[in-house]
Amino acid sequence: GFPPIFGKMASDAIAVLVNNNAKDSMFSVSDIRGMLNGTSGYKYHLVMDGNRATSTVRFMLDSVLKGQPLGSDIKAAASSEEVVNYIAKNKDAIGFVGVEWIGNNEDSTQLSFLKSVKIANIQCRGCNDEVYVKPYQANIVTRRYPLVRGLYYIVKENYAGLGKGFA
């Protein structure tokens, strides 16, 4: 009989990855929407980390496709690392992962990922039409990068305990 407490803790983003030899590395959100629902003219193989309940898939369904279903030809990888590996091996593939998988320049694993794939530029939200940006922190916090999602906490304690203290 008590309401849970929730709030936004941080902002995260979805990074769009392409093979190092890909012809295209600049996309608009409408390009991505068309690829996800299978109506674009692009001939890429799309891959995401999972196909049902992952936060990446949910964001794409809710925020990019706005309730439309995913196209039938999207591949599901077991993990974000498998997405990176698939993109590295397939020239005509595009992958979607949380930026935390490629955004830390001090992590040797992430640096090795960036040797095998490129981060695509996405058309800036609220900028000149010719401006494309990557999911760097400055672009995430200013929401210039359009594939930004919130990270939220939910506290279900009905007393002043550790959960409320952390929140």
Protein backbone atom coordinates (compact mmCIF):
# COMPACT_ATOMS: atom_id res chain seq x y z
CA GLY A 1 0.00 0.00 0.00
CA PHE A 2 2.85 2.42 -0.62
CA PRO A 3 3.99 4.04 -3.85
CA PRO A 4 7.43 3.16 -5.17
CA ILE A 5 9.89 6.02 -5.55
CA PHE A 6 11.69 6.42 -8.84
CA GLY A 7 13.84 8.92 -10.63
CA LYS A 8 16.38 9.40 -13.38
CA MET A 9 19.97 8.66 -12.36
CA ALA A 10 21.84 9.17 -15.61
CA SER A 11 21.64 9.28 -19.38
CA ASP A 12 22.89 6.55 -21.65
CA ALA A 13 22.86 6.19 -25.42
CA ILE A 14 22.66 3.54 -28.10
CA ALA A 15 25.76 3.44 -30.29
CA VAL A 16 25.41 2.44 -33.93
CA LEU A 17 28.36 0.36 -35.11
CA VAL A 18 29.52 -0.35 -38.65
CA ASN A 19 32.34 -2.40 -40.09
CA ASN A 20 35.61 -0.55 -40.70
CA ASN A 21 35.14 -1.11 -44.45
CA ALA A 22 31.49 -0.05 -44.59
CA LYS A 23 30.52 2.42 -47.32
CA ASP A 24 28.16 4.38 -45.06
CA SER A 25 28.78 5.64 -41.55
CA MET A 26 26.39 8.62 -41.38
CA PHE A 27 22.69 8.04 -40.75
CA SER A 28 19.59 9.91 -39.69
CA VAL A 29 17.10 8.52 -37.19
CA SER A 30 14.64 8.05 -40.06
CA ASP A 31 17.31 5.97 -41.88
CA ILE A 32 17.67 3.79 -38.79
CA ARG A 33 13.87 3.52 -38.38
CA GLY A 34 13.56 2.35 -41.99
CA MET A 35 16.30 -0.23 -41.53
CA LEU A 36 14.72 -1.51 -38.30
CA ASN A 37 11.25 -1.98 -39.76
CA GLY A 38 12.51 -3.23 -43.15
CA THR A 39 11.25 -0.35 -45.31
CA SER A 40 14.53 1.38 -46.19
CA GLY A 41 16.55 0.94 -49.34
CA TYR A 42 19.65 0.06 -47.34
CA LYS A 43 20.87 -3.53 -47.72
CA TYR A 44 22.45 -4.01 -44.31
CA HIS A 45 22.23 -6.92 -41.92
CA LEU A 46 21.14 -5.53 -38.54
CA VAL A 47 22.13 -7.13 -35.25
CA MET A 48 21.24 -6.33 -31.64
CA ASP A 49 22.06 -7.82 -28.28
CA GLY A 50 19.08 -10.10 -27.85
CA ASN A 51 15.72 -9.97 -29.55
CA ARG A 52 13.12 -9.47 -26.85
CA ALA A 53 13.76 -8.05 -23.41
CA THR A 54 17.06 -6.21 -23.65
CA SER A 55 17.15 -2.48 -23.01
CA THR A 56 18.55 -1.86 -26.50
CA VAL A 57 15.70 -3.71 -28.21
CA ARG A 58 13.13 -2.04 -25.98
CA PHE A 59 14.53 1.43 -26.73
CA MET A 60 14.45 0.76 -30.47
CA LEU A 61 10.86 -0.49 -30.30
CA ASP A 62 9.58 2.29 -28.01
CA SER A 63 11.59 5.34 -29.02
CA VAL A 64 12.73 4.78 -32.60
CA LEU A 65 9.98 2.60 -34.07
CA LYS A 66 7.30 4.10 -31.80
CA GLY A 67 5.45 0.81 -31.41
CA GLN A 68 6.00 -0.61 -34.91
CA PRO A 69 7.42 -4.15 -34.98
CA LEU A 70 11.02 -4.94 -35.81
CA GLY A 71 11.67 -6.23 -39.28
CA SER A 72 11.90 -9.99 -39.65
CA ASP A 73 15.53 -10.02 -40.81
CA ILE A 74 17.15 -8.51 -37.70
CA LYS A 75 19.65 -10.83 -36.06
CA ALA A 76 19.94 -11.34 -32.32
CA ALA A 77 23.32 -11.80 -30.70
CA ALA A 78 23.70 -13.28 -27.22
CA SER A 79 25.65 -10.26 -25.94
CA SER A 80 26.94 -6.83 -26.88
CA GLU A 81 30.40 -8.32 -27.36
CA GLU A 82 28.95 -10.72 -29.94
CA VAL A 83 27.36 -7.73 -31.72
CA VAL A 84 30.79 -6.09 -32.00
CA ASN A 85 32.36 -9.33 -33.25
CA TYR A 86 29.60 -9.83 -35.84
CA ILE A 87 30.04 -6.28 -37.16
CA ALA A 88 33.81 -6.72 -37.33
CA LYS A 89 33.40 -9.84 -39.49
CA ASN A 90 30.59 -8.60 -41.77
CA LYS A 91 31.14 -5.61 -44.04
CA ASP A 92 27.42 -5.10 -44.69
CA ALA A 93 26.27 -5.20 -41.07
CA ILE A 94 25.12 -2.57 -38.60
CA GLY A 95 24.94 -3.21 -34.87
CA PHE A 96 23.32 -1.49 -31.92
CA VAL A 97 24.86 -1.56 -28.44
CA GLY A 98 24.78 0.55 -25.31
CA VAL A 99 27.46 3.23 -25.42
CA GLU A 100 29.01 1.75 -22.28
CA TRP A 101 30.43 -1.00 -24.51
CA ILE A 102 32.52 1.37 -26.62
CA GLY A 103 32.71 4.66 -24.73
CA ASN A 104 35.58 4.20 -22.27
CA ASN A 105 38.94 5.18 -23.74
CA GLU A 106 40.73 3.76 -20.69
CA ASP A 107 39.33 0.23 -21.05
CA SER A 108 41.67 -1.98 -23.09
CA THR A 109 38.82 -4.30 -24.15
CA GLN A 110 36.79 -1.40 -25.49
CA LEU A 111 39.83 0.02 -27.25
CA SER A 112 40.32 -3.35 -28.97
CA PHE A 113 36.65 -3.25 -30.08
CA LEU A 114 37.21 0.15 -31.69
CA LYS A 115 40.04 -1.27 -33.79
CA SER A 116 37.63 -3.68 -35.47
CA VAL A 117 34.51 -1.48 -35.89
CA LYS A 118 33.58 2.18 -36.39
CA ILE A 119 31.04 4.21 -34.47
CA ALA A 120 28.56 5.66 -36.93
CA ASN A 121 27.62 9.33 -36.90
CA ILE A 122 23.94 10.07 -36.39
CA GLN A 123 22.23 13.26 -37.57
CA CYS A 124 22.26 15.75 -34.73
CA ARG A 125 19.00 16.62 -33.04
CA GLY A 126 18.36 20.37 -33.08
CA CYS A 127 21.37 21.18 -35.28
CA ASN A 128 21.90 22.14 -38.88
CA ASP A 129 20.83 19.27 -41.17
CA GLU A 130 24.42 18.64 -42.18
CA VAL A 131 25.71 18.03 -38.67
CA TYR A 132 26.26 14.41 -37.64
CA VAL A 133 27.54 13.43 -34.19
CA LYS A 134 28.85 10.42 -32.29
CA PRO A 135 27.58 9.29 -28.88
CA TYR A 136 30.18 11.15 -26.84
CA GLN A 137 29.32 12.43 -23.37
CA ALA A 138 28.96 16.06 -24.44
CA ASN A 139 26.52 15.06 -27.20
CA ILE A 140 24.57 12.82 -24.83
CA VAL A 141 24.16 15.39 -22.05
CA THR A 142 23.14 18.14 -24.48
CA ARG A 143 20.88 15.64 -26.31
CA ARG A 144 22.50 16.53 -29.64
CA TYR A 145 22.89 12.77 -30.11
CA PRO A 146 19.35 11.54 -30.78
CA LEU A 147 19.52 7.96 -29.44
CA VAL A 148 19.67 8.92 -25.75
CA ARG A 149 17.84 7.00 -23.05
CA GLY A 150 17.42 7.56 -19.35
CA LEU A 151 18.64 5.21 -16.64
CA TYR A 152 16.21 5.11 -13.72
CA TYR A 153 16.16 3.77 -10.18
CA ILE A 154 13.08 2.30 -8.51
CA VAL A 155 12.91 1.99 -4.71
CA LYS A 156 10.24 -0.31 -3.33
CA GLU A 157 11.11 0.08 0.37
CA ASN A 158 8.38 1.56 2.53
CA TYR A 159 10.87 2.71 5.15
CA ALA A 160 14.06 4.78 5.28
CA GLY A 161 16.53 1.98 4.51
CA LEU A 162 19.55 1.31 2.36
CA GLY A 163 17.62 1.58 -0.93
CA LYS A 164 16.25 5.04 -0.16
CA GLY A 165 19.64 6.12 1.13
CA PHE A 166 21.32 5.01 -2.08
CA ALA A 167 18.69 6.75 -4.21
